[in-house]
Amino acid sequence: MTTWNYRLIRHLNPDGKTMWVGVHEVYYDLLGTPIRCSDEPIQLTAVTVGDLRRGLEAILNAFESPVLNYGSFQ
């Protein structure tokens, strides 16, 4: 079973000089190593307010882990 969570991911702009950060889904191997991330940052939507709150709480947890580099998944 693959595990995943939200993580902050740093992107390099095409100019090669500036960066930006987005929230992505990141998937891990059995040893807990990040092996894959979503192509695009997430857009949080939900059916209920409670589901939206849980999604936001999961995103807030991403701030507790180091920021990853998008280029390391390419």
PDB file of N, CA and C in Angstrom:
ATOM      1  N   MET A   1       0.827  -1.176   0.000  1.00  0.00           N
ATOM      2  CA  MET A   1       0.000   0.000   0.000  1.00  0.00           C
ATOM      3  C   MET A   1       0.878   1.248   0.000  1.00  0.00           C
ATOM      4  N   THR A   2       0.571   2.165  -0.885  1.00  0.00           N
ATOM      5  CA  THR A   2       1.323   3.403  -0.987  1.00  0.00           C
ATOM      6  C   THR A   2       0.755   4.421  -0.014  1.00  0.00           C
ATOM      7  N   THR A   3       1.639   5.074   0.714  1.00  0.00           N
ATOM      8  CA  THR A   3       1.189   6.141   1.598  1.00  0.00           C
ATOM      9  C   THR A   3       1.428   7.488   0.920  1.00  0.00           C
ATOM     10  N   TRP A   4       0.667   8.467   1.335  1.00  0.00           N
ATOM     11  CA  TRP A   4       0.829   9.806   0.780  1.00  0.00           C
ATOM     12  C   TRP A   4       0.441  10.834   1.833  1.00  0.00           C
ATOM     13  N   ASN A   5       0.858  12.054   1.587  1.00  0.00           N
ATOM     14  CA  ASN A   5       0.408  13.199   2.360  1.00  0.00           C
ATOM     15  C   ASN A   5       0.658  14.441   1.532  1.00  0.00           C
ATOM     16  N   TYR A   6       0.254  15.580   2.076  1.00  0.00           N
ATOM     17  CA  TYR A   6       0.541  16.846   1.428  1.00  0.00           C
ATOM     18  C   TYR A   6       1.909  17.321   1.884  1.00  0.00           C
ATOM     19  N   ARG A   7       2.662  17.876   0.939  1.00  0.00           N
ATOM     20  CA  ARG A   7       3.975  18.455   1.251  1.00  0.00           C
ATOM     21  C   ARG A   7       4.132  19.754   0.494  1.00  0.00           C
ATOM     22  N   LEU A   8       4.935  20.643   1.050  1.00  0.00           N
ATOM     23  CA  LEU A   8       5.298  21.869   0.357  1.00  0.00           C
ATOM     24  C   LEU A   8       6.421  21.538  -0.619  1.00  0.00           C
ATOM     25  N   ILE A   9       6.259  22.004  -1.854  1.00  0.00           N
ATOM     26  CA  ILE A   9       7.240  21.706  -2.899  1.00  0.00           C
ATOM     27  C   ILE A   9       7.685  23.006  -3.556  1.00  0.00           C
ATOM     28  N   ARG A  10       8.998  23.173  -3.613  1.00  0.00           N
ATOM     29  CA  ARG A  10       9.621  24.361  -4.206  1.00  0.00           C
ATOM     30  C   ARG A  10       9.805  24.119  -5.710  1.00  0.00           C
ATOM     31  N   HIS A  11       9.372  25.108  -6.502  1.00  0.00           N
ATOM     32  CA  HIS A  11       9.501  25.064  -7.965  1.00  0.00           C
ATOM     33  C   HIS A  11      10.455  26.164  -8.423  1.00  0.00           C
ATOM     34  N   LEU A  12      11.242  25.845  -9.413  1.00  0.00           N
ATOM     35  CA  LEU A  12      12.116  26.837 -10.042  1.00  0.00           C
ATOM     36  C   LEU A  12      11.392  27.399 -11.260  1.00  0.00           C
ATOM     37  N   ASN A  13      11.303  28.723 -11.350  1.00  0.00           N
ATOM     38  CA  ASN A  13      10.683  29.359 -12.503  1.00  0.00           C
ATOM     39  C   ASN A  13      11.540  29.159 -13.739  1.00  0.00           C
ATOM     40  N   PRO A  14      10.948  29.301 -14.920  1.00  0.00           N
ATOM     41  CA  PRO A  14      11.716  29.134 -16.165  1.00  0.00           C
ATOM     42  C   PRO A  14      12.922  30.053 -16.283  1.00  0.00           C
ATOM     43  N   ASP A  15      12.908  31.194 -15.585  1.00  0.00           N
ATOM     44  CA  ASP A  15      14.069  32.092 -15.653  1.00  0.00           C
ATOM     45  C   ASP A  15      15.287  31.510 -14.943  1.00  0.00           C
ATOM     46  N   GLY A  16      15.075  30.412 -14.165  1.00  0.00           N
ATOM     47  CA  GLY A  16      16.171  29.753 -13.473  1.00  0.00           C
ATOM     48  C   GLY A  16      16.684  30.505 -12.256  1.00  0.00           C
ATOM     49  N   LYS A  17      16.038  31.615 -11.916  1.00  0.00           N
ATOM     50  CA  LYS A  17      16.526  32.441 -10.812  1.00  0.00           C
ATOM     51  C   LYS A  17      15.541  32.568  -9.663  1.00  0.00           C
ATOM     52  N   THR A  18      14.260  32.524  -9.961  1.00  0.00           N
ATOM     53  CA  THR A  18      13.257  32.719  -8.924  1.00  0.00           C
ATOM     54  C   THR A  18      12.483  31.429  -8.670  1.00  0.00           C
ATOM     55  N   MET A  19      11.923  31.334  -7.485  1.00  0.00           N
ATOM     56  CA  MET A  19      11.210  30.119  -7.087  1.00  0.00           C
ATOM     57  C   MET A  19       9.841  30.473  -6.533  1.00  0.00           C
ATOM     58  N   TRP A  20       9.008  29.457  -6.451  1.00  0.00           N
ATOM     59  CA  TRP A  20       7.713  29.560  -5.782  1.00  0.00           C
ATOM     60  C   TRP A  20       7.419  28.227  -5.112  1.00  0.00           C
ATOM     61  N   VAL A  21       6.483  28.218  -4.179  1.00  0.00           N
ATOM     62  CA  VAL A  21       6.173  27.015  -3.408  1.00  0.00           C
ATOM     63  C   VAL A  21       4.688  26.698  -3.559  1.00  0.00           C
ATOM     64  N   GLY A  22       4.384  25.398  -3.741  1.00  0.00           N
ATOM     65  CA  GLY A  22       3.004  24.929  -3.823  1.00  0.00           C
ATOM     66  C   GLY A  22       2.804  23.722  -2.930  1.00  0.00           C
ATOM     67  N   VAL A  23       1.542  23.383  -2.687  1.00  0.00           N
ATOM     68  CA  VAL A  23       1.198  22.202  -1.904  1.00  0.00           C
ATOM     69  C   VAL A  23       0.855  21.080  -2.882  1.00  0.00           C
ATOM     70  N   HIS A  24       1.557  19.954  -2.753  1.00  0.00           N
ATOM     71  CA  HIS A  24       1.358  18.807  -3.634  1.00  0.00           C
ATOM     72  C   HIS A  24       1.052  17.560  -2.820  1.00  0.00           C
ATOM     73  N   GLU A  25       0.435  16.582  -3.470  1.00  0.00           N
ATOM     74  CA  GLU A  25       0.349  15.244  -2.906  1.00  0.00           C
ATOM     75  C   GLU A  25       1.687  14.568  -3.165  1.00  0.00           C
ATOM     76  N   VAL A  26       2.261  13.964  -2.133  1.00  0.00           N
ATOM     77  CA  VAL A  26       3.538  13.255  -2.269  1.00  0.00           C
ATOM     78  C   VAL A  26       3.325  11.812  -1.833  1.00  0.00           C
ATOM     79  N   TYR A  27       3.868  10.892  -2.628  1.00  0.00           N
ATOM     80  CA  TYR A  27       3.733   9.460  -2.381  1.00  0.00           C
ATOM     81  C   TYR A  27       5.081   8.888  -1.977  1.00  0.00           C
ATOM     82  N   TYR A  28       5.046   7.881  -1.097  1.00  0.00           N
ATOM     83  CA  TYR A  28       6.253   7.336  -0.482  1.00  0.00           C
ATOM     84  C   TYR A  28       6.391   5.846  -0.754  1.00  0.00           C
ATOM     85  N   ASP A  29       7.643   5.366  -0.791  1.00  0.00           N
ATOM     86  CA  ASP A  29       7.875   3.926  -0.884  1.00  0.00           C
ATOM     87  C   ASP A  29       7.731   3.302   0.508  1.00  0.00           C
ATOM     88  N   LEU A  30       7.971   2.016   0.601  1.00  0.00           N
ATOM     89  CA  LEU A  30       7.794   1.307   1.868  1.00  0.00           C
ATOM     90  C   LEU A  30       8.754   1.761   2.958  1.00  0.00           C
ATOM     91  N   LEU A  31       9.858   2.390   2.564  1.00  0.00           N
ATOM     92  CA  LEU A  31      10.832   2.894   3.544  1.00  0.00           C
ATOM     93  C   LEU A  31      10.547   4.337   3.965  1.00  0.00           C
ATOM     94  N   GLY A  32       9.488   4.935   3.389  1.00  0.00           N
ATOM     95  CA  GLY A  32       9.133   6.304   3.735  1.00  0.00           C
ATOM     96  C   GLY A  32       9.845   7.365   2.927  1.00  0.00           C
ATOM     97  N   THR A  33      10.487   6.963   1.834  1.00  0.00           N
ATOM     98  CA  THR A  33      11.183   7.904   0.962  1.00  0.00           C
ATOM     99  C   THR A  33      10.194   8.476  -0.057  1.00  0.00           C
ATOM    100  N   PRO A  34      10.154   9.810  -0.216  1.00  0.00           N
ATOM    101  CA  PRO A  34       9.273  10.383  -1.234  1.00  0.00           C
ATOM    102  C   PRO A  34       9.706   9.918  -2.625  1.00  0.00           C
ATOM    103  N   ILE A  35       8.764   9.363  -3.391  1.00  0.00           N
ATOM    104  CA  ILE A  35       9.117   8.832  -4.711  1.00  0.00           C
ATOM    105  C   ILE A  35       8.357   9.489  -5.860  1.00  0.00           C
ATOM    106  N   ARG A  36       7.257  10.179  -5.538  1.00  0.00           N
ATOM    107  CA  ARG A  36       6.443  10.759  -6.598  1.00  0.00           C
ATOM    108  C   ARG A  36       5.600  11.880  -6.016  1.00  0.00           C
ATOM    109  N   CYS A  37       5.314  12.873  -6.848  1.00  0.00           N
ATOM    110  CA  CYS A  37       4.414  13.941  -6.413  1.00  0.00           C
ATOM    111  C   CYS A  37       3.434  14.253  -7.533  1.00  0.00           C
ATOM    112  N   SER A  38       2.325  14.888  -7.168  1.00  0.00           N
ATOM    113  CA  SER A  38       1.351  15.300  -8.174  1.00  0.00           C
ATOM    114  C   SER A  38       2.008  16.313  -9.110  1.00  0.00           C
ATOM    115  N   ASP A  39       1.591  16.289 -10.368  1.00  0.00           N
ATOM    116  CA  ASP A  39       2.171  17.199 -11.360  1.00  0.00           C
ATOM    117  C   ASP A  39       1.887  18.657 -11.036  1.00  0.00           C
ATOM    118  N   GLU A  40       0.700  18.929 -10.542  1.00  0.00           N
ATOM    119  CA  GLU A  40       0.272  20.288 -10.245  1.00  0.00           C
ATOM    120  C   GLU A  40      -0.019  20.426  -8.750  1.00  0.00           C
ATOM    121  N   PRO A  41       0.117  21.618  -8.206  1.00  0.00           N
ATOM    122  CA  PRO A  41      -0.288  21.840  -6.813  1.00  0.00           C
ATOM    123  C   PRO A  41      -1.782  21.560  -6.665  1.00  0.00           C
ATOM    124  N   ILE A  42      -2.186  21.235  -5.468  1.00  0.00           N
ATOM    125  CA  ILE A  42      -3.588  20.908  -5.235  1.00  0.00           C
ATOM    126  C   ILE A  42      -4.457  22.159  -5.273  1.00  0.00           C
ATOM    127  N   GLN A  43      -5.727  21.942  -5.555  1.00  0.00           N
ATOM    128  CA  GLN A  43      -6.771  22.951  -5.390  1.00  0.00           C
ATOM    129  C   GLN A  43      -7.766  22.321  -4.436  1.00  0.00           C
ATOM    130  N   LEU A  44      -7.881  22.863  -3.263  1.00  0.00           N
ATOM    131  CA  LEU A  44      -8.686  22.230  -2.232  1.00  0.00           C
ATOM    132  C   LEU A  44     -10.164  22.554  -2.396  1.00  0.00           C
ATOM    133  N   THR A  45     -10.943  21.516  -2.620  1.00  0.00           N
ATOM    134  CA  THR A  45     -12.400  21.616  -2.639  1.00  0.00           C
ATOM    135  C   THR A  45     -12.937  20.428  -1.858  1.00  0.00           C
ATOM    136  N   ALA A  46     -14.177  20.514  -1.411  1.00  0.00           N
ATOM    137  CA  ALA A  46     -14.760  19.424  -0.635  1.00  0.00           C
ATOM    138  C   ALA A  46     -16.277  19.469  -0.748  1.00  0.00           C
ATOM    139  N   VAL A  47     -16.888  18.359  -0.425  1.00  0.00           N
ATOM    140  CA  VAL A  47     -18.351  18.257  -0.443  1.00  0.00           C
ATOM    141  C   VAL A  47     -18.961  18.926   0.784  1.00  0.00           C
ATOM    142  N   THR A  48     -18.281  18.812   1.921  1.00  0.00           N
ATOM    143  CA  THR A  48     -18.816  19.392   3.152  1.00  0.00           C
ATOM    144  C   THR A  48     -17.784  20.316   3.790  1.00  0.00           C
ATOM    145  N   VAL A  49     -18.261  21.154   4.668  1.00  0.00           N
ATOM    146  CA  VAL A  49     -17.370  22.049   5.411  1.00  0.00           C
ATOM    147  C   VAL A  49     -16.413  21.231   6.271  1.00  0.00           C
ATOM    148  N   GLY A  50     -16.920  20.148   6.864  1.00  0.00           N
ATOM    149  CA  GLY A  50     -16.057  19.292   7.684  1.00  0.00           C
ATOM    150  C   GLY A  50     -14.937  18.666   6.873  1.00  0.00           C
ATOM    151  N   ASP A  51     -15.256  18.210   5.656  1.00  0.00           N
ATOM    152  CA  ASP A  51     -14.222  17.654   4.781  1.00  0.00           C
ATOM    153  C   ASP A  51     -13.201  18.715   4.412  1.00  0.00           C
ATOM    154  N   LEU A  52     -13.666  19.922   4.170  1.00  0.00           N
ATOM    155  CA  LEU A  52     -12.751  21.014   3.837  1.00  0.00           C
ATOM    156  C   LEU A  52     -11.836  21.322   5.017  1.00  0.00           C
ATOM    157  N   ARG A  53     -12.379  21.305   6.212  1.00  0.00           N
ATOM    158  CA  ARG A  53     -11.569  21.544   7.414  1.00  0.00           C
ATOM    159  C   ARG A  53     -10.490  20.468   7.552  1.00  0.00           C
ATOM    160  N   ARG A  54     -10.846  19.212   7.356  1.00  0.00           N
ATOM    161  CA  ARG A  54      -9.859  18.119   7.447  1.00  0.00           C
ATOM    162  C   ARG A  54      -8.767  18.281   6.393  1.00  0.00           C
ATOM    163  N   GLY A  55      -9.152  18.718   5.198  1.00  0.00           N
ATOM    164  CA  GLY A  55      -8.155  18.971   4.160  1.00  0.00           C
ATOM    165  C   GLY A  55      -7.202  20.082   4.546  1.00  0.00           C
ATOM    166  N   LEU A  56      -7.746  21.152   5.093  1.00  0.00           N
ATOM    167  CA  LEU A  56      -6.901  22.260   5.540  1.00  0.00           C
ATOM    168  C   LEU A  56      -5.969  21.836   6.673  1.00  0.00           C
ATOM    169  N   GLU A  57      -6.477  21.019   7.582  1.00  0.00           N
ATOM    170  CA  GLU A  57      -5.620  20.521   8.666  1.00  0.00           C
ATOM    171  C   GLU A  57      -4.487  19.663   8.112  1.00  0.00           C
ATOM    172  N   ALA A  58      -4.773  18.849   7.088  1.00  0.00           N
ATOM    173  CA  ALA A  58      -3.722  18.032   6.467  1.00  0.00           C
ATOM    174  C   ALA A  58      -2.679  18.913   5.790  1.00  0.00           C
ATOM    175  N   ILE A  59      -3.124  20.005   5.184  1.00  0.00           N
ATOM    176  CA  ILE A  59      -2.179  20.939   4.559  1.00  0.00           C
ATOM    177  C   ILE A  59      -1.321  21.618   5.622  1.00  0.00           C
ATOM    178  N   LEU A  60      -1.918  22.011   6.721  1.00  0.00           N
ATOM    179  CA  LEU A  60      -1.138  22.637   7.797  1.00  0.00           C
ATOM    180  C   LEU A  60      -0.054  21.698   8.308  1.00  0.00           C
ATOM    181  N   ASN A  61      -0.314  20.393   8.324  1.00  0.00           N
ATOM    182  CA  ASN A  61       0.704  19.424   8.728  1.00  0.00           C
ATOM    183  C   ASN A  61       1.916  19.457   7.804  1.00  0.00           C
ATOM    184  N   ALA A  62       1.716  19.845   6.544  1.00  0.00           N
ATOM    185  CA  ALA A  62       2.823  19.911   5.588  1.00  0.00           C
ATOM    186  C   ALA A  62       3.881  20.921   6.021  1.00  0.00           C
ATOM    187  N   PHE A  63       3.475  21.925   6.781  1.00  0.00           N
ATOM    188  CA  PHE A  63       4.413  22.949   7.242  1.00  0.00           C
ATOM    189  C   PHE A  63       5.366  22.421   8.309  1.00  0.00           C
ATOM    190  N   GLU A  64       5.097  21.235   8.828  1.00  0.00           N
ATOM    191  CA  GLU A  64       5.950  20.629   9.855  1.00  0.00           C
ATOM    192  C   GLU A  64       7.097  19.808   9.251  1.00  0.00           C
ATOM    193  N   SER A  65       7.086  19.615   7.938  1.00  0.00           N
ATOM    194  CA  SER A  65       8.116  18.822   7.253  1.00  0.00           C
ATOM    195  C   SER A  65       8.953  19.727   6.360  1.00  0.00           C
ATOM    196  N   PRO A  66      10.177  19.315   6.059  1.00  0.00           N
ATOM    197  CA  PRO A  66      11.010  20.128   5.166  1.00  0.00           C
ATOM    198  C   PRO A  66      10.377  20.298   3.787  1.00  0.00           C
ATOM    199  N   VAL A  67      10.637  21.445   3.174  1.00  0.00           N
ATOM    200  CA  VAL A  67      10.168  21.703   1.818  1.00  0.00           C
ATOM    201  C   VAL A  67      10.979  20.832   0.858  1.00  0.00           C
ATOM    202  N   LEU A  68      10.293  20.192  -0.082  1.00  0.00           N
ATOM    203  CA  LEU A  68      10.944  19.357  -1.086  1.00  0.00           C
ATOM    204  C   LEU A  68      11.129  20.147  -2.376  1.00  0.00           C
ATOM    205  N   ASN A  69      12.036  19.704  -3.240  1.00  0.00           N
ATOM    206  CA  ASN A  69      12.262  20.332  -4.524  1.00  0.00           C
ATOM    207  C   ASN A  69      11.558  19.542  -5.627  1.00  0.00           C
ATOM    208  N   TYR A  70      10.764  20.247  -6.438  1.00  0.00           N
ATOM    209  CA  TYR A  70      10.036  19.601  -7.510  1.00  0.00           C
ATOM    210  C   TYR A  70      10.983  18.870  -8.466  1.00  0.00           C
ATOM    211  N   GLY A  71      12.136  19.449  -8.730  1.00  0.00           N
ATOM    212  CA  GLY A  71      13.102  18.857  -9.644  1.00  0.00           C
ATOM    213  C   GLY A  71      13.604  17.489  -9.198  1.00  0.00           C
ATOM    214  N   SER A  72      13.535  17.185  -7.926  1.00  0.00           N
ATOM    215  CA  SER A  72      14.007  15.877  -7.450  1.00  0.00           C
ATOM    216  C   SER A  72      13.056  14.750  -7.840  1.00  0.00           C
ATOM    217  N   PHE A  73      11.855  15.089  -8.305  1.00  0.00           N
ATOM    218  CA  PHE A  73      10.895  14.073  -8.734  1.00  0.00           C
ATOM    219  C   PHE A  73      10.900  13.853 -10.240  1.00  0.00           C
ATOM    220  N   GLN A  74      11.675  14.652 -10.954  1.00  0.00           N
ATOM    221  CA  GLN A  74      11.674  14.569 -12.426  1.00  0.00           C
ATOM    222  C   GLN A  74      12.680  13.565 -12.934  1.00  0.00           C
TER     223      GLN A  74
END
